Each structure stands twice: as structure tokens, then as C-alpha cells.
Amino acid sequence: MCRAIELADPEFACTVEAVDEDENIKYKAYTKCVVKDGIARKIENGGEEVAEIEMTVAVMPDDEGNGLYEALKSEVSSEIAQKWMTEFTPALAKKKVL
């Protein structure tokens, strides 16, 4: 699941709930993203499936100098997890967990 949080045009932030290779659920936040290529759509005429949409995104360092923030679900409270996905800020990643 990825949620885009709009910043100044054309920048946006993206938060993701992902599963790593050890089956751990992680929250990731890319705080300063820029679309590099336009959207490419793959449409099958008469198909019943949802069309795939592809775009290339560049991740830039934010004001803290980071492009990516991560936290394990097992190490954060449900309140922090909710805010991570809906209103992420770098200060949130610095909060004490559990």
C-alpha cells in the first residue's frame, strides 16, 4: 500500500507498508519524491482487468538529508503507525516507540 502526500508541485511524499525478506512488516516513508517520466499505461482492449500504470520516481534528500525513513511495525505504537501512513513527518520517525 502506498499513499501519496502532496507537497509543493511537482514534489510529493509516499508512505508504504511493506513486507521484508524475513516476513517483517515495515513502514517506509519517502519524504521528497519527484516524477521523472510521464505515466505509461498498458491497456488491453476489451480486457476485464485494471490497466497497469507505470511511472519513474526519483527520491531526493529532504531537509534532514534523508530520502527514506523506515520503522518495523513491531517497534511502533498503533498511533505512530496510523500517523506514519497518513501524515508522516521526519519528527515522527524520531519519536520513542512502544
C-alpha atoms as a PDB file:
ATOM      1  CA  MET A   1       0.000   0.000   0.000  1.00  0.00           C
ATOM      2  CA  CYS A   2       1.390   3.400  -0.963  1.00  0.00           C
ATOM      3  CA  ARG A   3      -0.166   6.704  -0.016  1.00  0.00           C
ATOM      4  CA  ALA A   4       0.984   9.872  -1.702  1.00  0.00           C
ATOM      5  CA  ILE A   5       1.030  13.044   0.358  1.00  0.00           C
ATOM      6  CA  GLU A   6       1.172  16.142  -1.843  1.00  0.00           C
ATOM      7  CA  LEU A   7       3.888  18.690  -1.124  1.00  0.00           C
ATOM      8  CA  ALA A   8       4.871  21.577  -3.369  1.00  0.00           C
ATOM      9  CA  ASP A   9       4.220  20.777  -7.031  1.00  0.00           C
ATOM     10  CA  PRO A  10       5.781  18.595  -8.528  1.00  0.00           C
ATOM     11  CA  GLU A  11       7.097  17.046  -5.289  1.00  0.00           C
ATOM     12  CA  PHE A  12       5.209  14.548  -3.168  1.00  0.00           C
ATOM     13  CA  ALA A  13       5.816  12.202  -0.250  1.00  0.00           C
ATOM     14  CA  CYS A  14       4.983   8.498  -0.346  1.00  0.00           C
ATOM     15  CA  THR A  15       4.398   6.211   2.641  1.00  0.00           C
ATOM     16  CA  VAL A  16       4.417   2.435   2.237  1.00  0.00           C
ATOM     17  CA  GLU A  17       3.542  -0.598   4.338  1.00  0.00           C
ATOM     18  CA  ALA A  18       5.826  -3.375   3.081  1.00  0.00           C
ATOM     19  CA  VAL A  19       6.965  -6.891   3.996  1.00  0.00           C
ATOM     20  CA  ASP A  20      10.708  -7.585   4.015  1.00  0.00           C
ATOM     21  CA  GLU A  21      12.520 -10.841   3.176  1.00  0.00           C
ATOM     22  CA  ASP A  22      12.122 -12.054   6.788  1.00  0.00           C
ATOM     23  CA  GLU A  23       8.324 -11.523   6.684  1.00  0.00           C
ATOM     24  CA  ASN A  24       8.573  -8.464   8.954  1.00  0.00           C
ATOM     25  CA  ILE A  25       6.072  -5.680   8.270  1.00  0.00           C
ATOM     26  CA  LYS A  26       7.821  -2.342   7.808  1.00  0.00           C
ATOM     27  CA  TYR A  27       6.646   1.193   7.373  1.00  0.00           C
ATOM     28  CA  LYS A  28       8.646   3.236   4.878  1.00  0.00           C
ATOM     29  CA  ALA A  29       8.412   6.910   4.052  1.00  0.00           C
ATOM     30  CA  TYR A  30       9.953   8.618   1.050  1.00  0.00           C
ATOM     31  CA  THR A  31       9.600  12.273   2.003  1.00  0.00           C
ATOM     32  CA  LYS A  32      10.628  14.068  -1.185  1.00  0.00           C
ATOM     33  CA  CYS A  33       9.727  12.352  -4.461  1.00  0.00           C
ATOM     34  CA  VAL A  34       9.659  13.772  -7.985  1.00  0.00           C
ATOM     35  CA  VAL A  35       8.073  12.145 -11.047  1.00  0.00           C
ATOM     36  CA  LYS A  36      10.818  11.668 -13.660  1.00  0.00           C
ATOM     37  CA  ASP A  37       8.810  10.212 -16.556  1.00  0.00           C
ATOM     38  CA  GLY A  38       5.202  10.590 -17.543  1.00  0.00           C
ATOM     39  CA  ILE A  39       2.668   7.900 -16.816  1.00  0.00           C
ATOM     40  CA  ALA A  40       2.766   4.914 -19.182  1.00  0.00           C
ATOM     41  CA  ARG A  41      -0.478   2.975 -19.383  1.00  0.00           C
ATOM     42  CA  LYS A  42      -0.907  -0.576 -20.615  1.00  0.00           C
ATOM     43  CA  ILE A  43      -4.466  -1.121 -21.762  1.00  0.00           C
ATOM     44  CA  GLU A  44      -5.876  -4.307 -23.233  1.00  0.00           C
ATOM     45  CA  ASN A  45      -8.828  -3.586 -25.479  1.00  0.00           C
ATOM     46  CA  GLY A  46     -11.856  -5.495 -24.193  1.00  0.00           C
ATOM     47  CA  GLY A  47      -9.990  -6.728 -21.114  1.00  0.00           C
ATOM     48  CA  GLU A  48     -11.667  -7.009 -17.737  1.00  0.00           C
ATOM     49  CA  GLU A  49      -8.573  -6.371 -15.618  1.00  0.00           C
ATOM     50  CA  VAL A  50      -7.461  -2.987 -14.293  1.00  0.00           C
ATOM     51  CA  ALA A  51      -4.849  -1.373 -16.532  1.00  0.00           C
ATOM     52  CA  GLU A  52      -1.278  -1.232 -15.237  1.00  0.00           C
ATOM     53  CA  ILE A  53       0.171   2.237 -14.765  1.00  0.00           C
ATOM     54  CA  GLU A  54       3.925   2.799 -14.597  1.00  0.00           C
ATOM     55  CA  MET A  55       5.946   5.897 -13.780  1.00  0.00           C
ATOM     56  CA  THR A  56       9.517   6.572 -12.757  1.00  0.00           C
ATOM     57  CA  VAL A  57      10.007   8.413  -9.471  1.00  0.00           C
ATOM     58  CA  ALA A  58      13.232   9.924  -8.116  1.00  0.00           C
ATOM     59  CA  VAL A  59      13.742  10.114  -4.351  1.00  0.00           C
ATOM     60  CA  MET A  60      15.527  13.261  -3.200  1.00  0.00           C
ATOM     61  CA  PRO A  61      17.011  14.044   0.237  1.00  0.00           C
ATOM     62  CA  ASP A  62      14.704  16.104   2.454  1.00  0.00           C
ATOM     63  CA  ASP A  63      15.667  18.971   4.782  1.00  0.00           C
ATOM     64  CA  GLU A  64      17.069  16.403   7.250  1.00  0.00           C
ATOM     65  CA  GLY A  65      19.295  14.922   4.496  1.00  0.00           C
ATOM     66  CA  ASN A  66      17.333  11.661   4.264  1.00  0.00           C
ATOM     67  CA  GLY A  67      15.420  10.201   1.352  1.00  0.00           C
ATOM     68  CA  LEU A  68      13.986   7.207   3.206  1.00  0.00           C
ATOM     69  CA  TYR A  69      12.713   6.555   6.719  1.00  0.00           C
ATOM     70  CA  GLU A  70      11.888   3.040   7.981  1.00  0.00           C
ATOM     71  CA  ALA A  71      10.311   1.504  11.077  1.00  0.00           C
ATOM     72  CA  LEU A  72       9.336  -2.055  11.955  1.00  0.00           C
ATOM     73  CA  LYS A  73       5.635  -2.468  12.760  1.00  0.00           C
ATOM     74  CA  SER A  74       6.597  -4.442  15.869  1.00  0.00           C
ATOM     75  CA  GLU A  75       8.529  -1.448  17.209  1.00  0.00           C
ATOM     76  CA  VAL A  76       5.955   1.329  16.833  1.00  0.00           C
ATOM     77  CA  SER A  77       2.659   2.060  18.546  1.00  0.00           C
ATOM     78  CA  SER A  78      -0.578   1.884  16.590  1.00  0.00           C
ATOM     79  CA  GLU A  79      -0.867   5.681  16.926  1.00  0.00           C
ATOM     80  CA  ILE A  80       2.534   6.230  15.299  1.00  0.00           C
ATOM     81  CA  ALA A  81       1.729   3.645  12.603  1.00  0.00           C
ATOM     82  CA  GLN A  82      -1.512   5.470  11.753  1.00  0.00           C
ATOM     83  CA  LYS A  83       0.209   8.860  11.588  1.00  0.00           C
ATOM     84  CA  TRP A  84       3.092   7.349   9.587  1.00  0.00           C
ATOM     85  CA  MET A  85       0.684   6.325   6.839  1.00  0.00           C
ATOM     86  CA  THR A  86      -1.473   9.478   6.815  1.00  0.00           C
ATOM     87  CA  GLU A  87       0.588  12.459   7.962  1.00  0.00           C
ATOM     88  CA  PHE A  88       4.259  11.484   8.067  1.00  0.00           C
ATOM     89  CA  THR A  89       6.914  13.958   9.217  1.00  0.00           C
ATOM     90  CA  PRO A  90      10.615  13.269   9.917  1.00  0.00           C
ATOM     91  CA  ALA A  91       9.951  14.162  13.581  1.00  0.00           C
ATOM     92  CA  LEU A  92       7.594  11.182  13.769  1.00  0.00           C
ATOM     93  CA  ALA A  93      10.460   8.803  12.925  1.00  0.00           C
ATOM     94  CA  LYS A  94      12.445  10.176  15.875  1.00  0.00           C
ATOM     95  CA  LYS A  95       9.709   9.519  18.479  1.00  0.00           C
ATOM     96  CA  LYS A  96      10.195   6.823  21.089  1.00  0.00           C
ATOM     97  CA  VAL A  97       8.465   3.627  20.094  1.00  0.00           C
ATOM     98  CA  LEU A  98       6.163   1.296  22.018  1.00  0.00           C
END
